[in-house]
Amino acid sequence: MFDILVYLFENYFEAEIHPDHGKLARELSAAGFDTDEISRAFDWFTGLEQLSASTVYPEAFAASAATRCYAPQEQQRLDHQAQGLLTFLEMSGILNPIQRECVIDRVLALAEADVSLEHVKWIVLMVLWSHGQDYVFMEDFLTSDDAPRLH
């Protein structure tokens, strides 16, 4: 499913192109993607849109300086590198706590059992995009193989 998410993001959503879901599903199916995975990918993006447009978190939460402790099920999906990346991005002012929670929510919504650091980086880009934040300068950093280092 993750391959579909990246494909959709790079080819449609990032460019603000929103084709009909039926047409898009046929295109993805013709490209060899499984129908169930296509449906789950659409549901995943719908969940992202709902998180971005909702008031699940109070706006004041965006300025919180609290330390995030991860629940056991979150620790299973987000290894220490992924948690470190989220902390780094938050401390750098790139993600706010609401966006961090959206990233965590979308990681937990993935169908894949193993979530790599690369998956988390792509999800960060998608969350920044969905919140209308300029992320272009982050794209090279987040899609590179270099791990962030705090000095």
Protein backbone atom coordinates (compact mmCIF):
# COMPACT_ATOMS: atom_id res chain seq x y z
CA MET A 1 0.00 0.00 0.00
CA PHE A 2 2.83 2.41 0.78
CA ASP A 3 3.96 2.40 -2.86
CA ILE A 4 0.49 3.57 -3.85
CA LEU A 5 0.59 6.38 -1.29
CA VAL A 6 3.91 7.68 -2.63
CA TYR A 7 2.72 7.33 -6.23
CA LEU A 8 -0.48 9.27 -5.52
CA PHE A 9 1.36 11.95 -3.57
CA GLU A 10 4.05 12.49 -6.19
CA ASN A 11 1.77 12.38 -9.22
CA TYR A 12 -1.49 13.91 -8.10
CA PHE A 13 -1.93 15.35 -4.65
CA GLU A 14 1.35 17.25 -4.45
CA ALA A 15 0.44 18.95 -7.74
CA GLU A 16 -3.08 19.68 -6.41
CA ILE A 17 -4.60 17.41 -9.06
CA HIS A 18 -7.60 15.51 -7.71
CA PRO A 19 -8.86 13.11 -10.38
CA ASP A 20 -11.96 11.00 -9.94
CA HIS A 21 -11.36 8.08 -7.56
CA GLY A 22 -12.86 5.63 -10.05
CA LYS A 23 -10.54 6.75 -12.84
CA LEU A 24 -7.58 6.73 -10.49
CA ALA A 25 -8.45 3.25 -9.19
CA ARG A 26 -8.62 1.93 -12.77
CA GLU A 27 -5.24 3.52 -13.56
CA LEU A 28 -3.64 2.02 -10.45
CA SER A 29 -5.21 -1.36 -11.13
CA ALA A 30 -3.90 -1.28 -14.71
CA ALA A 31 -0.44 -0.50 -13.27
CA GLY A 32 -0.64 -3.76 -11.31
CA PHE A 33 -1.74 -2.61 -7.87
CA ASP A 34 -4.17 -4.77 -5.89
CA THR A 35 -7.73 -3.47 -5.60
CA ASP A 36 -7.80 -3.87 -1.81
CA GLU A 37 -4.52 -1.96 -1.45
CA ILE A 38 -5.87 0.81 -3.68
CA SER A 39 -8.95 1.09 -1.49
CA ARG A 40 -6.83 1.17 1.70
CA ALA A 41 -4.62 3.90 0.18
CA PHE A 42 -7.68 6.03 -0.62
CA ASP A 43 -8.92 5.48 2.95
CA TRP A 44 -5.48 6.46 4.29
CA PHE A 45 -5.54 9.77 2.37
CA THR A 46 -9.13 10.38 3.46
CA GLY A 47 -7.98 9.94 7.07
CA LEU A 48 -5.15 12.41 6.47
CA GLU A 49 -7.55 14.97 5.02
CA GLN A 50 -9.94 14.51 7.96
CA LEU A 51 -7.11 15.00 10.48
CA SER A 52 -5.92 18.12 8.70
CA ALA A 53 -9.38 19.65 8.53
CA SER A 54 -10.64 18.66 11.95
CA THR A 55 -10.38 20.14 15.39
CA VAL A 56 -9.26 16.90 17.04
CA TYR A 57 -6.50 18.82 18.77
CA PRO A 58 -6.99 22.28 20.27
CA GLU A 59 -5.02 24.95 18.42
CA ALA A 60 -3.11 25.78 21.63
CA PHE A 61 -1.62 22.27 21.45
CA ALA A 62 0.47 23.40 18.47
CA ALA A 63 2.63 25.52 20.80
CA SER A 64 3.10 22.83 23.45
CA ALA A 65 6.63 22.19 24.68
CA ALA A 66 5.78 18.91 26.43
CA THR A 67 7.90 15.82 25.84
CA ARG A 68 6.12 13.11 23.88
CA CYS A 69 6.16 9.62 25.42
CA TYR A 70 5.27 6.84 23.01
CA ALA A 71 2.72 4.16 23.85
CA PRO A 72 3.81 0.51 23.41
CA GLN A 73 1.87 0.10 20.13
CA GLU A 74 3.50 3.29 18.81
CA GLN A 75 6.95 2.02 19.83
CA GLN A 76 6.29 -1.16 17.84
CA ARG A 77 5.68 0.86 14.67
CA LEU A 78 8.12 3.72 15.28
CA ASP A 79 11.63 2.57 16.11
CA HIS A 80 14.17 4.76 17.93
CA GLN A 81 15.38 6.32 14.67
CA ALA A 82 11.85 7.32 13.69
CA GLN A 83 11.12 8.70 17.14
CA GLY A 84 14.42 10.61 17.00
CA LEU A 85 13.53 12.03 13.60
CA LEU A 86 10.17 13.28 14.87
CA THR A 87 11.82 14.83 17.92
CA PHE A 88 14.47 16.46 15.72
CA LEU A 89 11.84 17.90 13.35
CA GLU A 90 9.77 19.18 16.24
CA MET A 91 12.74 20.73 18.04
CA SER A 92 13.79 22.36 14.75
CA GLY A 93 10.36 23.97 14.40
CA ILE A 94 9.52 22.03 11.25
CA LEU A 95 6.72 20.00 12.85
CA ASN A 96 4.48 21.28 15.58
CA PRO A 97 2.93 18.87 18.11
CA ILE A 98 -0.33 18.62 16.15
CA GLN A 99 1.53 17.69 12.97
CA ARG A 100 3.64 15.19 14.93
CA GLU A 101 0.44 13.54 16.18
CA CYS A 102 -0.88 13.42 12.61
CA VAL A 103 2.33 11.68 11.51
CA ILE A 104 1.99 9.14 14.32
CA ASP A 105 -1.68 8.56 13.47
CA ARG A 106 -0.90 7.97 9.80
CA VAL A 107 2.01 5.63 10.65
CA LEU A 108 -0.35 3.57 12.79
CA ALA A 109 -2.88 3.56 9.91
CA LEU A 110 -0.41 1.94 7.49
CA ALA A 111 -1.16 -1.63 6.48
CA GLU A 112 2.55 -2.56 6.45
CA ALA A 113 3.83 -4.47 9.46
CA ASP A 114 7.31 -2.94 9.18
CA VAL A 115 7.53 0.82 9.01
CA SER A 116 10.92 2.07 7.88
CA LEU A 117 12.49 5.45 8.49
CA GLU A 118 11.88 6.19 4.81
CA HIS A 119 8.15 5.55 5.32
CA VAL A 120 8.11 8.01 8.21
CA LYS A 121 9.94 10.64 6.14
CA TRP A 122 7.36 10.36 3.34
CA ILE A 123 4.52 10.58 5.83
CA VAL A 124 6.08 13.74 7.29
CA LEU A 125 6.08 15.27 3.79
CA MET A 126 2.45 14.29 3.27
CA VAL A 127 1.40 15.72 6.64
CA LEU A 128 3.22 19.00 6.00
CA TRP A 129 1.54 19.17 2.58
CA SER A 130 -1.89 18.44 4.06
CA HIS A 131 -1.46 21.26 6.58
CA GLY A 132 -0.64 23.71 3.80
CA GLN A 133 2.90 24.14 5.05
CA ASP A 134 5.72 24.84 2.60
CA TYR A 135 7.74 21.63 2.69
CA VAL A 136 9.70 21.90 -0.56
CA PHE A 137 12.88 22.87 1.25
CA MET A 138 12.45 19.75 3.42
CA GLU A 139 11.95 17.33 0.56
CA ASP A 140 15.68 16.80 -0.13
CA PHE A 141 16.45 16.42 3.56
CA LEU A 142 13.64 14.01 4.28
CA THR A 143 14.17 11.85 1.22
CA SER A 144 17.95 11.63 1.65
CA ASP A 145 19.69 8.71 3.32
CA ASP A 146 21.51 10.93 5.80
CA ALA A 147 20.27 10.74 9.36
CA PRO A 148 19.75 14.05 11.18
CA ARG A 149 22.40 14.94 13.73
CA LEU A 150 22.00 17.25 16.66
CA HIS A 151 25.18 19.08 17.57
